[in-house]
Amino acid sequence: MSNSLNQAPEHIKLAVDLIMILEQHDIAPEDILKALEIIKDDFEKKLAAN
């Protein structure tokens, strides 16, 4: 990991990690976006519950 990425905020590091994982599994971009919508909805509900 580059030094600038090591100093990046956690959400940036997480985004980079997730992109790398998804690209390594050769998943169709349409499927990734659909899954991310579900994930986003789930975490928004969890955030609202707190």
N, C-alpha and C. Protein backbone atom coordinates (compact mmCIF):
# COMPACT_ATOMS: atom_id res chain seq x y z
N MET A 1 0.86 -1.18 0.00
CA MET A 1 0.00 0.00 0.00
C MET A 1 0.89 1.23 0.00
N SER A 2 0.56 2.19 -0.82
CA SER A 2 1.40 3.38 -0.89
C SER A 2 1.30 4.19 0.38
N ASN A 3 2.31 5.02 0.62
CA ASN A 3 2.34 5.84 1.83
C ASN A 3 1.15 6.78 1.88
N SER A 4 0.76 7.36 0.74
CA SER A 4 -0.38 8.28 0.75
C SER A 4 -1.67 7.54 1.08
N LEU A 5 -1.80 6.29 0.64
CA LEU A 5 -3.00 5.52 0.98
C LEU A 5 -3.00 5.14 2.45
N ASN A 6 -1.82 4.87 3.01
CA ASN A 6 -1.74 4.57 4.44
C ASN A 6 -2.22 5.75 5.27
N GLN A 7 -2.05 6.95 4.76
CA GLN A 7 -2.46 8.15 5.50
C GLN A 7 -3.88 8.59 5.16
N ALA A 8 -4.52 7.89 4.24
CA ALA A 8 -5.88 8.25 3.82
C ALA A 8 -6.88 7.92 4.92
N PRO A 9 -8.03 8.58 4.89
CA PRO A 9 -9.10 8.25 5.85
C PRO A 9 -9.54 6.78 5.69
N GLU A 10 -10.09 6.24 6.75
CA GLU A 10 -10.48 4.83 6.75
C GLU A 10 -11.46 4.50 5.63
N HIS A 11 -12.40 5.39 5.33
CA HIS A 11 -13.38 5.07 4.29
C HIS A 11 -12.74 4.97 2.91
N ILE A 12 -11.67 5.71 2.68
CA ILE A 12 -10.94 5.62 1.41
C ILE A 12 -10.20 4.28 1.33
N LYS A 13 -9.53 3.91 2.41
CA LYS A 13 -8.82 2.62 2.44
C LYS A 13 -9.80 1.47 2.23
N LEU A 14 -10.96 1.55 2.87
CA LEU A 14 -11.96 0.50 2.73
C LEU A 14 -12.46 0.43 1.29
N ALA A 15 -12.70 1.57 0.68
CA ALA A 15 -13.16 1.60 -0.71
C ALA A 15 -12.14 0.96 -1.64
N VAL A 16 -10.88 1.28 -1.46
CA VAL A 16 -9.81 0.71 -2.28
C VAL A 16 -9.75 -0.81 -2.09
N ASP A 17 -9.83 -1.26 -0.85
CA ASP A 17 -9.81 -2.70 -0.57
C ASP A 17 -10.99 -3.40 -1.24
N LEU A 18 -12.18 -2.82 -1.12
CA LEU A 18 -13.36 -3.44 -1.71
C LEU A 18 -13.28 -3.49 -3.23
N ILE A 19 -12.79 -2.43 -3.84
CA ILE A 19 -12.62 -2.41 -5.29
C ILE A 19 -11.67 -3.52 -5.71
N MET A 20 -10.57 -3.66 -5.01
CA MET A 20 -9.59 -4.70 -5.35
C MET A 20 -10.20 -6.10 -5.22
N ILE A 21 -10.93 -6.33 -4.15
CA ILE A 21 -11.57 -7.65 -3.95
C ILE A 21 -12.57 -7.94 -5.06
N LEU A 22 -13.41 -6.97 -5.38
CA LEU A 22 -14.43 -7.19 -6.41
C LEU A 22 -13.80 -7.40 -7.78
N GLU A 23 -12.76 -6.66 -8.09
CA GLU A 23 -12.09 -6.83 -9.38
C GLU A 23 -11.40 -8.19 -9.49
N GLN A 24 -10.87 -8.69 -8.39
CA GLN A 24 -10.18 -9.98 -8.40
C GLN A 24 -11.15 -11.14 -8.67
N HIS A 25 -12.42 -10.95 -8.34
CA HIS A 25 -13.40 -12.02 -8.50
C HIS A 25 -14.14 -11.95 -9.82
N ASP A 26 -13.76 -11.02 -10.68
CA ASP A 26 -14.32 -10.92 -12.03
C ASP A 26 -15.86 -10.96 -12.02
N ILE A 27 -16.45 -10.13 -11.19
CA ILE A 27 -17.90 -10.03 -11.07
C ILE A 27 -18.39 -8.93 -12.00
N ALA A 28 -19.50 -9.17 -12.65
CA ALA A 28 -20.06 -8.19 -13.58
C ALA A 28 -20.35 -6.88 -12.84
N PRO A 29 -19.99 -5.76 -13.44
CA PRO A 29 -20.23 -4.46 -12.80
C PRO A 29 -21.70 -4.24 -12.42
N GLU A 30 -22.62 -4.72 -13.24
CA GLU A 30 -24.04 -4.57 -12.93
C GLU A 30 -24.40 -5.28 -11.63
N ASP A 31 -23.84 -6.49 -11.44
CA ASP A 31 -24.10 -7.25 -10.21
C ASP A 31 -23.49 -6.57 -9.00
N ILE A 32 -22.31 -6.00 -9.18
CA ILE A 32 -21.65 -5.29 -8.09
C ILE A 32 -22.50 -4.10 -7.65
N LEU A 33 -22.98 -3.33 -8.62
CA LEU A 33 -23.78 -2.15 -8.28
C LEU A 33 -25.09 -2.53 -7.58
N LYS A 34 -25.71 -3.61 -8.02
CA LYS A 34 -26.93 -4.08 -7.35
C LYS A 34 -26.64 -4.50 -5.91
N ALA A 35 -25.54 -5.22 -5.73
CA ALA A 35 -25.16 -5.65 -4.39
C ALA A 35 -24.83 -4.46 -3.50
N LEU A 36 -24.14 -3.46 -4.07
CA LEU A 36 -23.79 -2.28 -3.28
C LEU A 36 -25.03 -1.50 -2.84
N GLU A 37 -26.08 -1.49 -3.66
CA GLU A 37 -27.33 -0.84 -3.26
C GLU A 37 -27.91 -1.53 -2.03
N ILE A 38 -27.90 -2.86 -2.04
CA ILE A 38 -28.41 -3.62 -0.89
C ILE A 38 -27.57 -3.34 0.35
N ILE A 39 -26.27 -3.35 0.18
CA ILE A 39 -25.36 -3.09 1.29
C ILE A 39 -25.57 -1.68 1.84
N LYS A 40 -25.69 -0.70 0.96
CA LYS A 40 -25.88 0.69 1.38
C LYS A 40 -27.19 0.83 2.16
N ASP A 41 -28.26 0.22 1.65
CA ASP A 41 -29.54 0.29 2.35
C ASP A 41 -29.44 -0.33 3.74
N ASP A 42 -28.75 -1.46 3.84
CA ASP A 42 -28.61 -2.15 5.11
C ASP A 42 -27.86 -1.29 6.12
N PHE A 43 -26.76 -0.70 5.69
CA PHE A 43 -25.97 0.11 6.62
C PHE A 43 -26.65 1.43 6.96
N GLU A 44 -27.43 1.97 6.04
CA GLU A 44 -28.19 3.19 6.36
C GLU A 44 -29.24 2.89 7.43
N LYS A 45 -29.87 1.71 7.36
CA LYS A 45 -30.85 1.31 8.39
C LYS A 45 -30.15 1.13 9.74
N LYS A 46 -28.96 0.51 9.72
CA LYS A 46 -28.21 0.33 10.96
C LYS A 46 -27.81 1.66 11.55
N LEU A 47 -27.40 2.59 10.71
CA LEU A 47 -27.01 3.92 11.17
C LEU A 47 -28.20 4.66 11.78
N ALA A 48 -29.35 4.55 11.14
CA ALA A 48 -30.56 5.23 11.63
C ALA A 48 -31.05 4.62 12.95
N ALA A 49 -30.78 3.35 13.16
CA ALA A 49 -31.21 2.67 14.39
C ALA A 49 -30.38 3.09 15.60
N ASN A 50 -29.22 3.64 15.36
CA ASN A 50 -28.35 4.05 16.48
C ASN A 50 -28.71 5.37 17.02
